[in-house]
C-alpha atoms as a PDB file:
ATOM      1  CA  UNK A   1      -8.591  27.767 -21.102  1.00  0.00           C
ATOM      2  CA  UNK A   2      -7.035  25.543 -18.447  1.00  0.00           C
ATOM      3  CA  UNK A   3     -10.471  24.529 -17.187  1.00  0.00           C
ATOM      4  CA  UNK A   4     -11.515  23.593 -20.762  1.00  0.00           C
ATOM      5  CA  UNK A   5      -8.384  21.451 -21.219  1.00  0.00           C
ATOM      6  CA  UNK A   6      -8.931  19.693 -17.886  1.00  0.00           C
ATOM      7  CA  UNK A   7     -12.572  18.985 -18.716  1.00  0.00           C
ATOM      8  CA  UNK A   8     -11.603  17.740 -22.188  1.00  0.00           C
ATOM      9  CA  UNK A   9      -8.945  15.468 -20.719  1.00  0.00           C
ATOM     10  CA  UNK A  10     -11.400  14.054 -18.209  1.00  0.00           C
ATOM     11  CA  UNK A  11     -13.984  13.503 -20.944  1.00  0.00           C
ATOM     12  CA  UNK A  12     -11.472  11.678 -23.176  1.00  0.00           C
ATOM     13  CA  UNK A  13     -10.294   9.598 -20.199  1.00  0.00           C
ATOM     14  CA  UNK A  14     -13.886   8.673 -19.339  1.00  0.00           C
ATOM     15  CA  UNK A  15     -14.552   7.735 -22.982  1.00  0.00           C
ATOM     16  CA  UNK A  16     -11.450   5.536 -23.005  1.00  0.00           C
ATOM     17  CA  UNK A  17     -12.522   3.905 -19.744  1.00  0.00           C
ATOM     18  CA  UNK A  18     -16.041   3.259 -21.060  1.00  0.00           C
ATOM     19  CA  UNK A  19     -14.760   1.685 -24.277  1.00  0.00           C
ATOM     20  CA  UNK A  20     -12.177  -0.427 -22.422  1.00  0.00           C
ATOM     21  CA  UNK A  21     -14.766  -1.756 -19.964  1.00  0.00           C
ATOM     22  CA  UNK A  22     -17.125  -2.580 -22.832  1.00  0.00           C
ATOM     23  CA  UNK A  23     -14.320  -4.390 -24.675  1.00  0.00           C
ATOM     24  CA  UNK A  24     -13.543  -6.325 -21.500  1.00  0.00           C
ATOM     25  CA  UNK A  25     -17.145  -7.317 -20.697  1.00  0.00           C
ATOM     26  CA  UNK A  26     -18.728  -7.776 -24.126  1.00  0.00           C
ATOM     27  CA  UNK A  27     -17.184 -10.535 -26.276  1.00  0.00           C
ATOM     28  CA  UNK A  28     -18.363  -9.035 -29.592  1.00  0.00           C
ATOM     29  CA  UNK A  29     -17.078  -5.540 -28.746  1.00  0.00           C
ATOM     30  CA  UNK A  30     -13.477  -5.280 -29.932  1.00  0.00           C
ATOM     31  CA  UNK A  31     -11.136  -2.359 -29.462  1.00  0.00           C
ATOM     32  CA  UNK A  32      -7.722  -2.790 -31.038  1.00  0.00           C
ATOM     33  CA  UNK A  33      -4.616  -1.189 -29.588  1.00  0.00           C
ATOM     34  CA  UNK A  34      -3.482   0.177 -32.933  1.00  0.00           C
ATOM     35  CA  UNK A  35      -6.686   2.033 -33.765  1.00  0.00           C
ATOM     36  CA  UNK A  36      -7.996   2.351 -30.230  1.00  0.00           C
ATOM     37  CA  UNK A  37      -6.691   5.871 -29.717  1.00  0.00           C
ATOM     38  CA  UNK A  38      -8.413   7.065 -32.879  1.00  0.00           C
ATOM     39  CA  UNK A  39     -11.610   5.266 -31.839  1.00  0.00           C
ATOM     40  CA  UNK A  40     -11.526   6.901 -28.388  1.00  0.00           C
ATOM     41  CA  UNK A  41     -10.917  10.360 -29.826  1.00  0.00           C
ATOM     42  CA  UNK A  42     -13.595   9.979 -32.519  1.00  0.00           C
ATOM     43  CA  UNK A  43     -16.055   8.648 -29.925  1.00  0.00           C
ATOM     44  CA  UNK A  44     -15.306  11.528 -27.522  1.00  0.00           C
ATOM     45  CA  UNK A  45     -15.606  14.228 -30.185  1.00  0.00           C
ATOM     46  CA  UNK A  46     -18.820  12.821 -31.683  1.00  0.00           C
ATOM     47  CA  UNK A  47     -20.314  12.326 -28.220  1.00  0.00           C
ATOM     48  CA  UNK A  48     -19.516  15.890 -27.173  1.00  0.00           C
ATOM     49  CA  UNK A  49     -20.891  17.351 -30.418  1.00  0.00           C
ATOM     50  CA  UNK A  50     -24.016  15.222 -30.842  1.00  0.00           C
ATOM     51  CA  UNK A  51     -25.266  15.350 -27.219  1.00  0.00           C
ATOM     52  CA  UNK A  52     -26.143  19.075 -27.137  1.00  0.00           C
ATOM     53  CA  UNK A  53     -27.719  18.825 -30.600  1.00  0.00           C
ATOM     54  CA  UNK A  54     -29.915  15.860 -29.635  1.00  0.00           C
ATOM     55  CA  UNK A  55     -30.794  17.515 -26.336  1.00  0.00           C
ATOM     56  CA  UNK A  56     -31.989  20.647 -28.121  1.00  0.00           C
ATOM     57  CA  UNK A  57     -33.998  18.661 -30.696  1.00  0.00           C
ATOM     58  CA  UNK A  58     -35.623  16.488 -28.025  1.00  0.00           C
ATOM     59  CA  UNK A  59     -36.426  19.442 -25.769  1.00  0.00           C
ATOM     60  CA  UNK A  60     -38.156  21.183 -28.648  1.00  0.00           C
ATOM     61  CA  UNK A  61     -39.934  18.222 -30.254  1.00  0.00           C
ATOM     62  CA  UNK A  62     -40.159  15.332 -27.791  1.00  0.00           C
ATOM     63  CA  UNK A  63     -39.472  16.257 -24.147  1.00  0.00           C
ATOM     64  CA  UNK A  64     -40.297  12.716 -23.013  1.00  0.00           C
ATOM     65  CA  UNK A  65     -37.057  11.518 -24.637  1.00  0.00           C
ATOM     66  CA  UNK A  66     -34.774  13.846 -22.678  1.00  0.00           C
ATOM     67  CA  UNK A  67     -33.732  11.089 -20.249  1.00  0.00           C
ATOM     68  CA  UNK A  68     -32.508   8.831 -23.035  1.00  0.00           C
ATOM     69  CA  UNK A  69     -30.411  11.392 -24.903  1.00  0.00           C
ATOM     70  CA  UNK A  70     -27.180  10.175 -23.298  1.00  0.00           C
ATOM     71  CA  UNK A  71     -27.713   6.605 -24.464  1.00  0.00           C
ATOM     72  CA  UNK A  72     -28.807   7.691 -27.943  1.00  0.00           C
ATOM     73  CA  UNK A  73     -25.788   9.976 -28.363  1.00  0.00           C
ATOM     74  CA  UNK A  74     -23.539   7.152 -27.101  1.00  0.00           C
ATOM     75  CA  UNK A  75     -25.049   4.828 -29.707  1.00  0.00           C
ATOM     76  CA  UNK A  76     -24.456   7.385 -32.471  1.00  0.00           C
ATOM     77  CA  UNK A  77     -20.886   8.014 -31.295  1.00  0.00           C
ATOM     78  CA  UNK A  78     -20.182   4.244 -31.178  1.00  0.00           C
ATOM     79  CA  UNK A  79     -21.607   3.849 -34.668  1.00  0.00           C
ATOM     80  CA  UNK A  80     -19.458   6.649 -36.099  1.00  0.00           C
ATOM     81  CA  UNK A  81     -16.342   5.405 -34.270  1.00  0.00           C
ATOM     82  CA  UNK A  82     -16.929   1.898 -35.647  1.00  0.00           C
ATOM     83  CA  UNK A  83     -16.883   3.299 -39.211  1.00  0.00           C
ATOM     84  CA  UNK A  84     -13.178   4.114 -38.869  1.00  0.00           C
ATOM     85  CA  UNK A  85     -11.211   1.002 -39.858  1.00  0.00           C
ATOM     86  CA  UNK A  86      -8.885  -0.772 -37.461  1.00  0.00           C
ATOM     87  CA  UNK A  87     -10.118   0.621 -34.154  1.00  0.00           C
ATOM     88  CA  UNK A  88     -13.531  -0.443 -32.950  1.00  0.00           C
ATOM     89  CA  UNK A  89     -15.720  -3.302 -34.158  1.00  0.00           C
ATOM     90  CA  UNK A  90     -19.105  -4.231 -32.759  1.00  0.00           C
ATOM     91  CA  UNK A  91     -20.796  -7.436 -33.896  1.00  0.00           C
ATOM     92  CA  UNK A  92     -24.241  -8.794 -33.109  1.00  0.00           C
ATOM     93  CA  UNK A  93     -27.448  -7.029 -32.254  1.00  0.00           C
ATOM     94  CA  UNK A  94     -27.151  -7.835 -28.547  1.00  0.00           C
ATOM     95  CA  UNK A  95     -23.822  -6.060 -28.374  1.00  0.00           C
ATOM     96  CA  UNK A  96     -25.282  -3.077 -30.245  1.00  0.00           C
ATOM     97  CA  UNK A  97     -27.996  -2.918 -27.566  1.00  0.00           C
ATOM     98  CA  UNK A  98     -25.774  -3.508 -24.531  1.00  0.00           C
ATOM     99  CA  UNK A  99     -22.699  -1.505 -25.553  1.00  0.00           C
ATOM    100  CA  UNK A 100     -24.322   1.962 -25.608  1.00  0.00           C
ATOM    101  CA  UNK A 101     -25.910   1.373 -22.199  1.00  0.00           C
ATOM    102  CA  UNK A 102     -22.666   0.079 -20.681  1.00  0.00           C
ATOM    103  CA  UNK A 103     -20.430   2.740 -22.245  1.00  0.00           C
ATOM    104  CA  UNK A 104     -22.889   5.493 -21.287  1.00  0.00           C
ATOM    105  CA  UNK A 105     -23.025   4.267 -17.687  1.00  0.00           C
ATOM    106  CA  UNK A 106     -19.233   4.006 -17.352  1.00  0.00           C
ATOM    107  CA  UNK A 107     -18.573   7.398 -18.966  1.00  0.00           C
ATOM    108  CA  UNK A 108     -21.244   9.039 -16.806  1.00  0.00           C
ATOM    109  CA  UNK A 109     -19.725   7.608 -13.627  1.00  0.00           C
ATOM    110  CA  UNK A 110     -16.202   8.416 -14.758  1.00  0.00           C
ATOM    111  CA  UNK A 111     -16.997  12.037 -15.620  1.00  0.00           C
ATOM    112  CA  UNK A 112     -18.501  12.369 -12.150  1.00  0.00           C
ATOM    113  CA  UNK A 113     -15.708  10.671 -10.162  1.00  0.00           C
ATOM    114  CA  UNK A 114     -12.531  11.420 -12.166  1.00  0.00           C
ATOM    115  CA  UNK A 115     -12.494  15.136 -11.286  1.00  0.00           C
ATOM    116  CA  UNK A 116     -12.691  14.206  -7.609  1.00  0.00           C
ATOM    117  CA  UNK A 117      -9.731  11.866  -7.968  1.00  0.00           C
ATOM    118  CA  UNK A 118      -7.475  13.979 -10.187  1.00  0.00           C
ATOM    119  CA  UNK A 119      -8.335  17.455  -8.975  1.00  0.00           C
ATOM    120  CA  UNK A 120      -8.338  16.627  -5.258  1.00  0.00           C
ATOM    121  CA  UNK A 121      -4.604  17.359  -4.888  1.00  0.00           C
ATOM    122  CA  UNK A 122      -4.923  20.670  -6.738  1.00  0.00           C
ATOM    123  CA  UNK A 123      -7.825  21.763  -4.566  1.00  0.00           C
ATOM    124  CA  UNK A 124      -5.981  20.815  -1.379  1.00  0.00           C
ATOM    125  CA  UNK A 125      -2.873  22.685  -2.557  1.00  0.00           C
ATOM    126  CA  UNK A 126      -4.932  25.786  -3.324  1.00  0.00           C
ATOM    127  CA  UNK A 127      -6.646  25.619   0.077  1.00  0.00           C
ATOM    128  CA  UNK A 128      -3.279  25.363   1.823  1.00  0.00           C
ATOM    129  CA  UNK A 129      -1.973  28.428  -0.065  1.00  0.00           C
ATOM    130  CA  UNK A 130      -5.005  30.545   0.838  1.00  0.00           C
ATOM    131  CA  UNK A 131      -5.178  29.453   4.477  1.00  0.00           C
ATOM    132  CA  UNK A 132      -4.130  32.072   6.975  1.00  0.00           C
ATOM    133  CA  UNK A 133      -1.104  31.193   9.086  1.00  0.00           C
ATOM    134  CA  UNK A 134      -1.827  30.545  12.737  1.00  0.00           C
ATOM    135  CA  UNK A 135       0.112  32.496  15.342  1.00  0.00           C
END
């Protein structure tokens, strides 16, 4: 259960980081502070639910698309999150093309590196507890 909560926290943090970077770099990608938390949570939940579904469908019907599932699921999650009022707005076709790629890239990097950053102290503490005393 603890492992699930840690992974969920890291996934939500990576989603928040991806959306914040997109809002910072793309002028037509707006994330408001008032609805931003809802947008991040909706994005994270939709992304985590739709990715396995799309992966299964692509593996069965179109294996050539397996590499693009992350970007497609990010696009779908951005679309659904933008339907909730007051949180996330995306304007212009260029932003709709660039945002999924940018958010996918940031979330992928964050989900890879955040565990190393946040769990490093816990791993070191556990190693120190299990180490045999010298002497």
